[in-house]
Amino acid sequence: MTKKYKIVVGNTVAVLVAGSHTNESGKAIPFKFTLICKRLDAAELKDALADKETPVSEFVTNVATDWRDQRLVLEDDDKPAEFCPDALEALLNINGMGMLCFTAYMKEAGAKAKN
């Protein structure tokens, strides 16, 4: 007989994504935003990563549900775009952004040792 347990870990995780991009003058412009993502358990993560051909941007698309303080994707009026599939696709189309978001997710979504 299998005993049922309640896991006390939230279903979502706030993932801080921070980095920089270089402007036309060669200056590094920092950015920072938070992706709100579904938290995958170990079995779900293993399944999601099983296909080595799946791009990391597709992984991020499948787990991201919202964002906060995002200022890299703007509307025509220069206001930050609201989270939606098209805006997320635009964000992930920035070279290197998919891997940056994926790495941040992997860092934040699992258990960590206390410093």
Protein backbone atom coordinates (compact mmCIF):
# COMPACT_ATOMS: atom_id res chain seq x y z
CA MET A 1 0.00 0.00 0.00
CA THR A 2 1.28 3.46 -0.93
CA LYS A 3 0.84 6.23 1.58
CA LYS A 4 -0.14 9.64 0.16
CA TYR A 5 1.93 12.66 1.16
CA LYS A 6 1.40 16.36 0.84
CA ILE A 7 4.38 18.25 -0.61
CA VAL A 8 4.74 21.77 0.77
CA VAL A 9 6.30 23.46 -2.26
CA GLY A 10 4.40 25.94 -4.41
CA ASN A 11 3.22 25.07 -7.91
CA THR A 12 4.86 28.19 -9.32
CA VAL A 13 8.27 29.76 -8.94
CA ALA A 14 9.51 33.33 -9.50
CA VAL A 15 12.62 33.13 -11.67
CA LEU A 16 14.91 36.16 -11.68
CA VAL A 17 16.49 36.61 -15.11
CA ALA A 18 19.35 39.10 -15.14
CA GLY A 19 21.95 39.88 -17.74
CA SER A 20 23.02 42.49 -20.22
CA HIS A 21 23.01 43.18 -23.92
CA THR A 22 25.50 45.28 -25.83
CA ASN A 23 24.28 48.42 -27.60
CA GLU A 24 25.61 49.86 -30.86
CA SER A 25 28.38 51.69 -28.98
CA GLY A 26 29.64 48.49 -27.39
CA LYS A 27 28.28 49.43 -23.97
CA ALA A 28 26.74 46.66 -21.85
CA ILE A 29 23.12 47.55 -20.96
CA PRO A 30 21.91 45.58 -17.94
CA PHE A 31 18.41 44.12 -17.68
CA LYS A 32 16.52 42.24 -15.02
CA PHE A 33 13.00 40.79 -14.95
CA THR A 34 11.11 37.99 -13.27
CA LEU A 35 9.48 35.11 -15.09
CA ILE A 36 6.65 33.38 -13.27
CA CYS A 37 6.86 29.70 -14.13
CA LYS A 38 5.19 26.39 -13.40
CA ARG A 39 7.35 24.38 -11.02
CA LEU A 40 8.05 20.96 -12.49
CA ASP A 41 8.72 18.06 -10.14
CA ALA A 42 11.70 15.79 -10.77
CA ALA A 43 9.77 13.33 -12.97
CA GLU A 44 8.18 16.12 -15.04
CA LEU A 45 11.56 17.80 -15.49
CA LYS A 46 13.14 14.53 -16.60
CA ASP A 47 10.37 14.06 -19.18
CA ALA A 48 10.67 17.66 -20.39
CA LEU A 49 14.42 17.27 -20.88
CA ALA A 50 14.27 13.75 -22.38
CA ASP A 51 14.21 14.98 -25.98
CA LYS A 52 17.66 16.47 -26.50
CA GLU A 53 16.46 18.06 -29.76
CA THR A 54 13.91 20.31 -28.01
CA PRO A 55 15.18 23.91 -27.96
CA VAL A 56 15.50 25.53 -24.54
CA SER A 57 13.19 28.31 -25.73
CA GLU A 58 10.43 25.71 -26.16
CA PHE A 59 11.03 24.49 -22.61
CA VAL A 60 10.70 28.07 -21.32
CA THR A 61 7.55 28.60 -23.40
CA ASN A 62 6.01 25.51 -21.79
CA VAL A 63 6.68 26.60 -18.20
CA ALA A 64 6.39 30.42 -18.27
CA THR A 65 2.99 31.80 -17.27
CA ASP A 66 3.67 35.50 -16.59
CA TRP A 67 6.40 38.07 -16.02
CA ARG A 68 7.15 41.11 -13.90
CA ASP A 69 9.31 44.14 -14.61
CA GLN A 70 10.03 43.05 -18.20
CA ARG A 71 11.27 45.97 -20.31
CA LEU A 72 12.87 44.30 -23.32
CA VAL A 73 9.69 43.73 -25.35
CA LEU A 74 7.70 46.93 -25.86
CA GLU A 75 4.35 47.85 -27.39
CA ASP A 76 4.14 50.48 -30.15
CA ASP A 77 3.72 53.16 -27.46
CA ASP A 78 6.99 52.05 -25.78
CA LYS A 79 5.18 50.54 -22.77
CA PRO A 80 6.36 47.10 -21.66
CA ALA A 81 4.37 44.36 -23.37
CA GLU A 82 1.93 42.38 -21.27
CA PHE A 83 2.74 38.69 -21.01
CA CYS A 84 1.24 36.68 -23.86
CA PRO A 85 2.54 33.93 -26.17
CA ASP A 86 3.57 36.40 -28.90
CA ALA A 87 5.43 38.70 -26.49
CA LEU A 88 7.18 35.73 -24.88
CA GLU A 89 8.18 34.51 -28.35
CA ALA A 90 9.61 37.97 -29.10
CA LEU A 91 11.58 37.91 -25.84
CA LEU A 92 12.94 34.43 -26.48
CA ASN A 93 13.92 35.46 -30.01
CA ILE A 94 16.61 37.74 -28.52
CA ASN A 95 19.83 35.83 -29.14
CA GLY A 96 20.86 33.98 -25.97
CA MET A 97 17.69 34.81 -24.03
CA GLY A 98 16.24 31.29 -24.18
CA MET A 99 19.35 29.79 -22.58
CA LEU A 100 19.53 32.58 -20.00
CA CYS A 101 15.89 31.98 -18.98
CA PHE A 102 16.37 28.20 -18.96
CA THR A 103 19.48 28.44 -16.78
CA ALA A 104 17.73 30.81 -14.37
CA TYR A 105 14.75 28.41 -14.16
CA MET A 106 16.98 25.43 -13.41
CA LYS A 107 18.71 27.43 -10.68
CA GLU A 108 15.52 28.65 -9.01
CA ALA A 109 13.00 25.83 -9.45
CA GLY A 110 14.77 23.16 -7.42
CA ALA A 111 15.82 22.80 -3.81
CA LYS A 112 19.07 24.56 -2.86
CA ALA A 113 21.60 24.23 -0.09
CA LYS A 114 21.46 26.96 2.52
CA ASN A 115 24.49 29.29 2.47
